[in-house]
Amino acid sequence: MRRVNEAVREVLSGHITEDLKDPRIGFVTVTGVETSPDLRHARVYVSVLGSDEEKDAALEGLRSSAGFLQSKVAQELRMKHTPTLAFHYDESVDRGMRITKLLDNTEGRDEWE
């Protein structure tokens, strides 16, 4: 499953950056894919650079392009079933940036003294 997820992620990443012309889709990074064991559904996790409105717009753009992207996955990967794509915002990047910022703010402070 790990190889399938990675292959789907690579195909989607390439086509999102090169083929999609939707102005709502700005700087989008596919951070991960979780495919169901029966290969019928795939959760696609994306990170979007920008404000909350830009993130929502990018997700809407990706959702409207799901059929096109699914056809590209079908063309490039030989799978028993082509999964239906569901796009979700990956909050782990935001959490990581928040933790880094908190650590940077506490750096130099020694509260254990």
Protein backbone atom coordinates (compact mmCIF):
# COMPACT_ATOMS: atom_id res chain seq x y z
CA MET A 1 0.00 0.00 0.00
CA ARG A 2 2.88 2.34 0.74
CA ARG A 3 4.16 2.05 -2.83
CA VAL A 4 0.68 2.61 -4.26
CA ASN A 5 0.20 5.69 -2.08
CA GLU A 6 3.57 7.10 -3.12
CA ALA A 7 2.92 6.41 -6.82
CA VAL A 8 -0.47 8.16 -6.66
CA ARG A 9 1.12 11.09 -4.78
CA GLU A 10 3.80 11.50 -7.46
CA VAL A 11 1.31 11.43 -10.33
CA LEU A 12 -0.97 13.94 -8.64
CA SER A 13 1.89 16.26 -7.68
CA GLY A 14 3.12 16.44 -11.25
CA HIS A 15 -0.26 17.06 -12.81
CA ILE A 16 -1.39 19.60 -10.22
CA THR A 17 1.70 21.75 -10.79
CA GLU A 18 1.92 21.35 -14.57
CA ASP A 19 -1.54 20.71 -16.01
CA LEU A 20 -4.10 22.52 -13.87
CA LYS A 21 -4.84 26.05 -15.03
CA ASP A 22 -7.45 26.87 -12.36
CA PRO A 23 -6.54 30.29 -10.88
CA ARG A 24 -7.84 29.18 -7.47
CA ILE A 25 -5.07 26.61 -7.22
CA GLY A 26 -1.97 28.46 -6.13
CA PHE A 27 1.06 26.91 -4.49
CA VAL A 28 -0.21 23.43 -3.55
CA THR A 29 1.93 20.57 -2.29
CA VAL A 30 0.63 17.00 -2.07
CA THR A 31 1.93 15.84 1.31
CA GLY A 32 0.45 12.37 1.39
CA VAL A 33 -2.08 9.89 0.03
CA GLU A 34 -3.99 7.21 1.91
CA THR A 35 -5.58 4.65 -0.38
CA SER A 36 -8.23 2.26 0.90
CA PRO A 37 -7.28 -1.45 0.81
CA ASP A 38 -9.77 -2.10 -2.02
CA LEU A 39 -8.22 0.78 -4.06
CA ARG A 40 -11.60 2.46 -4.55
CA HIS A 41 -10.98 5.61 -2.49
CA ALA A 42 -7.96 7.79 -1.84
CA ARG A 43 -7.60 10.64 0.66
CA VAL A 44 -5.20 13.18 -0.78
CA TYR A 45 -3.60 15.47 1.80
CA VAL A 46 -2.42 18.84 0.53
CA SER A 47 -0.63 21.81 1.99
CA VAL A 48 -1.46 25.24 0.61
CA LEU A 49 0.65 28.35 0.96
CA GLY A 50 -1.52 31.39 1.68
CA SER A 51 -4.40 32.73 3.75
CA ASP A 52 -7.40 30.72 4.92
CA GLU A 53 -9.44 32.03 1.98
CA GLU A 54 -6.73 30.95 -0.46
CA LYS A 55 -6.62 27.50 1.18
CA ASP A 56 -10.38 27.10 0.85
CA ALA A 57 -10.29 28.27 -2.77
CA ALA A 58 -7.44 25.88 -3.60
CA LEU A 59 -9.34 22.94 -2.08
CA GLU A 60 -12.44 23.87 -4.10
CA GLY A 61 -10.32 24.06 -7.24
CA LEU A 62 -8.80 20.65 -6.53
CA ARG A 63 -12.20 19.14 -5.84
CA SER A 64 -13.52 20.47 -9.13
CA SER A 65 -10.47 18.99 -10.91
CA ALA A 66 -10.78 15.59 -9.22
CA GLY A 67 -12.19 13.86 -12.32
CA PHE A 68 -9.36 15.13 -14.52
CA LEU A 69 -6.74 14.12 -11.96
CA GLN A 70 -8.35 10.72 -11.47
CA SER A 71 -8.16 10.10 -15.23
CA LYS A 72 -4.44 10.98 -15.16
CA VAL A 73 -3.88 8.48 -12.34
CA ALA A 74 -5.74 5.84 -14.39
CA GLN A 75 -3.61 6.57 -17.48
CA GLU A 76 -0.26 6.44 -15.70
CA LEU A 77 -0.75 3.69 -13.11
CA ARG A 78 -1.96 0.21 -13.88
CA MET A 79 -4.24 -0.56 -10.99
CA LYS A 80 -7.17 -2.89 -10.50
CA HIS A 81 -9.37 0.12 -9.66
CA THR A 82 -8.71 3.81 -10.02
CA PRO A 83 -9.46 5.40 -6.66
CA THR A 84 -11.95 8.22 -6.23
CA LEU A 85 -9.98 11.22 -4.99
CA ALA A 86 -10.98 13.20 -1.90
CA PHE A 87 -8.84 16.25 -1.11
CA HIS A 88 -8.16 17.27 2.49
CA TYR A 89 -6.05 20.03 3.97
CA ASP A 90 -3.01 18.68 5.83
CA GLU A 91 -2.79 20.56 9.12
CA SER A 92 0.44 18.86 10.19
CA VAL A 93 2.51 21.45 8.32
CA ASP A 94 0.81 24.29 10.22
CA ARG A 95 1.28 22.44 13.50
CA GLY A 96 4.97 21.94 12.77
CA MET A 97 5.46 25.60 11.92
CA ARG A 98 3.65 26.62 15.11
CA ILE A 99 5.86 24.34 17.22
CA THR A 100 8.99 25.71 15.54
CA LYS A 101 7.84 29.25 16.23
CA LEU A 102 7.17 28.41 19.89
CA LEU A 103 10.58 26.80 20.24
CA ASP A 104 12.26 29.81 18.63
CA ASN A 105 10.47 32.11 21.08
CA THR A 106 11.64 30.09 24.08
CA GLU A 107 15.19 29.63 22.80
CA GLY A 108 17.67 31.28 25.10
CA ARG A 109 15.34 31.07 28.07
CA ASP A 110 16.23 28.64 30.78
CA GLU A 111 13.10 28.20 32.84
CA TRP A 112 14.56 25.31 34.83
CA GLU A 113 16.85 27.58 36.88
